[in-house]
Protein backbone atom coordinates (compact mmCIF):
# COMPACT_ATOMS: atom_id res chain seq x y z
CA MET A 1 5.12 69.33 -56.50
CA ARG A 2 7.66 71.47 -58.31
CA ALA A 3 10.43 69.90 -56.24
CA LEU A 4 9.31 66.45 -57.35
CA ALA A 5 9.24 67.56 -61.00
CA GLU A 6 12.77 68.97 -60.67
CA PHE A 7 13.92 65.69 -59.12
CA ILE A 8 12.38 63.68 -61.98
CA MET A 9 14.12 65.81 -64.61
CA ARG A 10 17.47 65.80 -62.81
CA GLY A 11 18.62 62.63 -64.53
CA ARG A 12 17.71 59.22 -65.88
CA MET A 13 18.23 57.45 -62.56
CA GLN A 14 15.99 59.86 -60.65
CA ALA A 15 13.23 59.64 -63.26
CA THR A 16 13.40 55.85 -63.29
CA LEU A 17 13.23 55.76 -59.49
CA VAL A 18 10.06 57.86 -59.33
CA VAL A 19 8.30 56.11 -62.21
CA VAL A 20 9.07 52.60 -60.96
CA VAL A 21 8.48 53.16 -57.23
CA SER A 22 5.18 54.96 -57.74
CA ALA A 23 4.04 52.19 -60.12
CA ALA A 24 4.94 49.57 -57.53
CA LEU A 25 3.17 51.28 -54.61
CA PRO A 26 -0.61 50.82 -54.23
CA LEU A 27 -2.79 53.77 -55.33
CA LEU A 28 0.16 55.76 -56.72
CA PHE A 29 -0.09 54.49 -60.31
CA TRP A 30 -1.34 57.93 -61.38
CA LEU A 31 1.92 59.48 -60.19
CA SER A 32 3.91 57.00 -62.26
CA ALA A 33 1.82 57.91 -65.32
CA ALA A 34 2.27 61.63 -64.65
CA ALA A 35 6.04 61.31 -64.18
CA GLY A 36 6.31 59.20 -67.34
CA SER A 37 4.26 61.78 -69.24
CA LEU A 38 6.59 64.55 -68.08
CA VAL A 39 9.67 62.68 -69.27
CA LEU A 40 8.04 61.83 -72.59
CA LEU A 41 6.76 65.37 -73.20
CA ARG A 42 10.15 66.92 -72.46
CA ARG A 43 12.65 64.40 -73.79
CA GLY A 44 10.72 62.55 -76.46
CA TRP A 45 10.12 58.87 -77.02
CA SER A 46 13.69 57.86 -77.85
CA ASP A 47 15.06 59.21 -74.55
CA ALA A 48 12.06 58.19 -72.43
CA ILE A 49 11.69 54.58 -73.59
CA GLY A 50 14.58 53.34 -71.47
CA ILE A 51 12.96 54.79 -68.35
CA LEU A 52 9.40 53.78 -69.11
CA VAL A 53 10.22 50.15 -69.84
CA TRP A 54 11.21 49.71 -66.20
CA ALA A 55 7.81 51.02 -65.08
CA LEU A 56 6.13 48.24 -67.05
CA LEU A 57 7.61 45.60 -64.74
CA PRO A 58 5.61 46.51 -61.61
CA ALA A 59 2.60 47.38 -63.79
CA ILE A 60 2.60 43.88 -65.32
CA GLY A 61 3.08 42.46 -61.83
CA TRP A 62 -0.05 44.25 -60.62
CA TRP A 63 -1.95 42.92 -63.66
CA TYR A 64 -0.88 39.38 -62.73
CA PHE A 65 -2.40 39.84 -59.28
CA GLY A 66 -5.68 41.11 -60.73
CA GLU A 67 -5.07 44.89 -60.64
CA PRO A 68 -5.24 46.29 -64.20
CA ARG A 69 -5.31 50.00 -63.44
CA THR A 70 -1.56 50.55 -63.18
CA LEU A 71 -0.75 49.15 -66.63
CA LEU A 72 -3.81 50.58 -68.38
CA VAL A 73 -3.41 54.11 -67.02
CA LEU A 74 0.35 54.13 -67.61
CA LEU A 75 0.04 53.05 -71.25
CA GLY A 76 -2.99 55.27 -71.83
CA ALA A 77 -1.40 58.41 -70.41
CA LEU A 78 1.79 57.81 -72.38
CA GLY A 79 -0.19 57.32 -75.58
CA LEU A 80 -2.02 60.61 -75.05
CA ALA A 81 1.31 62.30 -74.19
CA LEU A 82 2.68 61.18 -77.55
CA LEU A 83 -0.28 62.82 -79.28
CA LEU A 84 0.15 66.02 -77.30
CA ARG A 85 3.86 66.12 -78.05
CA ALA A 86 3.02 65.75 -81.73
CA ASN A 87 1.40 69.21 -81.45
CA LEU A 88 -2.17 67.94 -81.44
CA SER A 89 -4.56 70.33 -79.70
CA TRP A 90 -6.19 69.47 -76.40
CA ASN A 91 -9.47 69.13 -78.30
CA ARG A 92 -8.05 66.28 -80.36
CA VAL A 93 -6.38 64.71 -77.34
CA LEU A 94 -9.72 64.70 -75.52
CA LEU A 95 -11.40 63.16 -78.55
CA CYS A 96 -8.70 60.49 -78.73
CA SER A 97 -9.32 59.77 -75.05
CA VAL A 98 -12.76 58.44 -76.04
CA ALA A 99 -11.06 55.86 -78.28
CA LEU A 100 -8.72 55.10 -75.37
CA GLY A 101 -11.74 54.60 -73.13
CA LEU A 102 -13.20 52.17 -75.66
CA VAL A 103 -9.95 50.19 -75.54
CA TYR A 104 -10.15 50.19 -71.75
CA GLY A 105 -13.74 48.95 -71.95
CA LEU A 106 -12.90 46.15 -74.38
CA VAL A 107 -9.96 45.01 -72.25
CA LEU A 108 -12.00 45.10 -69.05
CA GLY A 109 -14.88 43.28 -70.71
CA ALA A 110 -12.59 40.54 -72.04
CA VAL A 111 -10.26 40.02 -69.08
CA PHE A 112 -12.54 40.82 -66.16
CA ARG A 113 -15.88 39.69 -67.56
CA GLU A 114 -16.86 37.51 -64.59
CA PRO A 115 -16.40 40.13 -61.81
CA ILE A 116 -18.22 42.75 -63.90
CA GLU A 117 -21.09 40.39 -64.64
CA ALA A 118 -21.32 39.55 -60.92
CA MET A 119 -21.59 43.26 -60.07
CA ALA A 120 -24.15 43.72 -62.84
CA LEU A 121 -26.22 40.85 -61.42
CA GLU A 122 -26.25 42.50 -57.98
CA LEU A 123 -27.32 45.80 -59.53
CA GLN A 124 -30.02 43.99 -61.47
CA LYS A 125 -31.45 42.70 -58.18
CA LEU A 126 -31.47 46.24 -56.77
CA MET A 127 -33.01 47.80 -59.85
CA PRO A 128 -36.67 47.46 -58.67
CA GLN A 129 -35.77 49.41 -55.52
CA MET A 130 -33.68 52.02 -57.36
CA LEU A 131 -36.44 52.61 -59.93
CA GLU A 132 -39.34 52.20 -57.55
CA GLY A 133 -42.63 52.64 -59.36
CA VAL A 134 -41.06 53.05 -62.78
CA HIS A 135 -39.62 49.53 -62.90
CA GLN A 136 -42.99 47.92 -62.21
CA GLN A 137 -44.60 49.85 -65.07
CA MET A 138 -42.05 48.66 -67.62
CA SER A 139 -42.94 45.85 -70.01
CA VAL A 140 -41.10 42.54 -70.04
CA ASP A 141 -39.14 43.55 -73.15
CA GLU A 142 -38.17 46.91 -71.62
CA ARG A 143 -36.95 45.21 -68.46
CA ALA A 144 -34.94 42.72 -70.51
CA ARG A 145 -33.34 45.53 -72.50
CA LEU A 146 -32.55 47.44 -69.31
CA ASP A 147 -30.94 44.37 -67.80
CA SER A 148 -28.85 43.84 -70.93
CA LEU A 149 -27.46 47.38 -70.63
CA ILE A 150 -26.31 47.12 -67.01
CA ALA A 151 -23.05 45.24 -67.63
CA PRO A 152 -21.93 47.38 -70.63
CA VAL A 153 -22.75 50.63 -68.81
CA LEU A 154 -20.93 49.41 -65.71
CA THR A 155 -17.93 48.51 -67.88
CA GLY A 156 -18.14 51.94 -69.50
CA LEU A 157 -18.21 53.67 -66.12
CA ILE A 158 -15.08 51.85 -64.97
CA ALA A 159 -13.40 52.59 -68.31
CA ALA A 160 -14.44 56.25 -68.07
CA LEU A 161 -12.88 56.47 -64.62
CA LEU A 162 -9.61 55.12 -66.02
CA GLN A 163 -9.96 57.56 -68.93
CA ILE A 164 -10.30 60.45 -66.46
CA VAL A 165 -7.28 59.30 -64.43
CA SER A 166 -5.22 59.00 -67.63
CA LEU A 167 -6.15 62.55 -68.66
CA LEU A 168 -5.45 63.92 -65.18
CA SER A 169 -2.05 62.19 -65.15
CA LEU A 170 -1.23 63.72 -68.53
CA MET A 171 -2.35 67.14 -67.34
CA LEU A 172 -0.22 66.85 -64.21
CA GLY A 173 2.79 65.97 -66.39
CA ARG A 174 2.03 68.93 -68.66
CA PHE A 175 1.64 71.20 -65.62
CA TRP A 176 5.04 70.10 -64.33
CA GLN A 177 6.58 70.72 -67.75
CA ALA A 178 5.13 74.24 -67.80
CA GLN A 179 6.30 74.96 -64.26
CA LEU A 180 9.87 74.04 -65.13
CA TYR A 181 10.22 75.33 -68.69
CA ASN A 182 7.20 77.51 -69.57
CA PRO A 183 5.61 79.10 -66.47
CA GLY A 184 1.92 79.72 -66.93
CA GLY A 185 1.80 77.80 -70.19
CA PHE A 186 -0.45 75.00 -69.02
CA GLY A 187 -2.90 77.41 -67.40
CA SER A 188 -3.27 79.31 -70.66
CA GLU A 189 -3.73 76.07 -72.61
CA PHE A 190 -6.35 74.70 -70.27
CA ARG A 191 -8.34 77.91 -69.88
CA ALA A 192 -8.52 78.22 -73.68
CA LEU A 193 -9.93 74.71 -74.05
CA ARG A 194 -13.25 74.86 -75.90
CA LEU A 195 -14.79 72.13 -78.02
CA PRO A 196 -15.94 73.29 -81.48
CA PRO A 197 -19.65 72.75 -82.17
CA PRO A 198 -19.21 69.76 -84.55
CA LEU A 199 -17.07 67.91 -82.00
CA ALA A 200 -19.41 68.73 -79.11
CA MET A 201 -22.43 67.57 -81.13
CA LEU A 202 -20.59 64.37 -82.10
CA LEU A 203 -19.92 63.60 -78.44
CA LEU A 204 -23.53 64.42 -77.54
CA VAL A 205 -24.80 62.07 -80.25
CA GLY A 206 -22.47 59.36 -78.94
CA MET A 207 -23.85 59.82 -75.43
CA LEU A 208 -27.50 59.72 -76.51
CA LEU A 209 -27.41 57.16 -79.30
CA GLY A 210 -24.73 54.79 -78.03
CA PRO A 211 -27.20 52.45 -76.24
CA ASN A 212 -29.33 52.30 -79.40
CA LEU A 213 -26.41 50.91 -81.41
CA GLY A 214 -26.38 47.73 -79.35
CA PRO A 215 -25.90 46.77 -75.70
CA GLN A 216 -22.11 46.76 -75.92
CA MET A 217 -22.05 50.29 -77.33
CA ALA A 218 -23.86 51.58 -74.23
CA MET A 219 -20.41 52.23 -72.77
CA LEU A 220 -20.16 55.19 -75.19
CA THR A 221 -22.45 57.24 -72.95
CA PRO A 222 -19.99 57.67 -70.04
CA LEU A 223 -16.93 57.72 -72.32
CA CYS A 224 -18.22 60.54 -74.54
CA SER A 225 -19.16 62.61 -71.50
CA VAL A 226 -15.54 62.85 -70.25
CA PRO A 227 -14.23 65.39 -72.84
CA LEU A 228 -17.35 67.50 -72.30
CA ALA A 229 -16.85 67.51 -68.53
CA PHE A 230 -13.22 68.62 -68.90
CA ALA A 231 -14.32 71.35 -71.31
CA GLY A 232 -16.90 72.49 -68.73
CA ILE A 233 -14.20 72.74 -66.06
CA ALA A 234 -11.97 74.68 -68.47
CA LEU A 235 -14.85 77.07 -69.12
CA LEU A 236 -15.20 77.91 -65.44
CA HIS A 237 -11.44 78.36 -65.07
CA GLY A 238 -11.44 80.69 -68.07
CA VAL A 239 -14.38 82.73 -66.80
CA VAL A 240 -12.71 83.12 -63.40
CA ALA A 241 -9.43 84.19 -65.07
CA GLN A 242 -11.37 86.86 -67.00
CA GLY A 243 -12.72 88.24 -63.72
CA ARG A 244 -16.35 87.43 -64.41
CA LEU A 245 -16.53 85.09 -61.39
CA GLY A 246 -14.66 84.97 -58.10
CA LYS A 247 -12.13 82.27 -57.33
CA PHE A 248 -14.42 80.84 -54.67
CA TRP A 249 -16.50 79.43 -57.55
CA LEU A 250 -13.63 77.08 -58.39
CA VAL A 251 -13.41 75.98 -54.77
CA GLY A 252 -17.13 75.33 -54.78
CA LEU A 253 -16.85 73.45 -58.07
CA TYR A 254 -14.33 70.93 -56.81
CA ILE A 255 -16.06 70.48 -53.47
CA THR A 256 -19.39 69.78 -55.15
CA LEU A 257 -17.66 67.44 -57.61
CA LEU A 258 -16.45 65.40 -54.66
CA LEU A 259 -19.70 65.49 -52.68
CA PHE A 260 -22.41 65.70 -55.37
CA MET A 261 -20.81 64.35 -58.53
CA GLN A 262 -24.10 62.93 -59.79
CA LEU A 263 -25.44 66.50 -59.99
CA THR A 264 -22.33 68.54 -60.82
CA TYR A 265 -20.95 66.27 -63.55
CA PRO A 266 -24.02 66.49 -65.85
CA LEU A 267 -24.08 70.25 -65.32
CA LEU A 268 -20.49 70.53 -66.56
CA VAL A 269 -21.42 68.50 -69.64
CA VAL A 270 -24.33 70.83 -70.39
CA LEU A 271 -22.16 73.92 -69.86
CA ALA A 272 -19.56 72.60 -72.30
CA ILE A 273 -22.19 71.97 -74.99
CA VAL A 274 -23.72 75.43 -74.58
CA ASP A 275 -20.27 77.07 -74.56
CA SER A 276 -19.34 75.28 -77.79
CA LEU A 277 -22.28 77.04 -79.44
CA PHE A 278 -22.02 80.50 -77.86
CA ASP A 279 -18.33 80.87 -76.85
CA PHE A 280 -18.84 82.77 -73.60
CA ARG A 281 -15.14 83.57 -73.09
CA GLY A 282 -14.71 84.90 -76.61
CA ARG A 283 -17.81 87.07 -76.32
CA PHE A 284 -16.58 88.57 -73.07
CA GLU A 285 -13.14 89.33 -74.54
CA ARG A 286 -14.71 91.05 -77.56
CA LYS A 287 -16.99 93.02 -75.27
CA GLN A 288 -14.03 94.17 -73.17
CA GLY A 289 -12.17 95.28 -76.29
CA SER A 290 -15.07 97.25 -77.77
CA GLY A 291 -14.93 100.33 -75.55
CA PRO A 292 -15.18 103.89 -76.90
CA THR A 293 -11.40 104.34 -77.17
CA ASN A 294 -10.64 100.85 -78.52
CA GLY A 295 -7.20 101.55 -79.91
CA GLU A 296 -7.76 105.25 -80.39
CA GLY A 297 -6.99 106.57 -76.93
């Protein structure tokens, strides 16, 4: 990956080639967003705009053929890269990603309403089987409310997935930048990521109360969970770096995320909330530095 980053930063032509070709190829839109983020983070908007405009051409072409991910992720990752370059902390970037996810949800709901409603209708038919026993005990009003939430939640899940891909593309661009110009910098940034209690509580309230603010606001539940999940992953990386856990825990984390996401993802959210209150990494560092010699030996 370092060789690719070096190729991207070799010159304007090389960067344009990678950004445009990866945007044009199926399933490589994340690479285009990551390469564009690298150029923007390193060279700034004025130098990067000439390269990034070319990437919009295949992205708009994909949109025309009914594939919105390329354009949405590219613009979203670049927007977050601008915030990061403006010296905003990762905490604020993650919080801004929730607003980005809302934009994704609104765009998806407006442009792709019919396919989403068709999927929601199929899920509505399967709901009695998925909630066997519970669904039959629900009142008519409760069933109607549940049915009204399916389409917004489904939209929110798709938007949250795009939100995650945008953040991962930005992080890959930041990782490349650190590899080339500040070795180890991204690792230190990411391992130090911890949401302050007010922000964590705000995200938790958004997750729990979003559906009560109206059916369309139900998409807040998956969107607000994304920053918490990233903070949970950062916590485990930080704990491993401090030597409190072995590196095999990280291997297990990513394997279980792939195989049992429905169990691992909520656990990461809970870990991030608890860590925001108790600061496990900070407590361990203070404990390590409080030995009997502590600056005297």
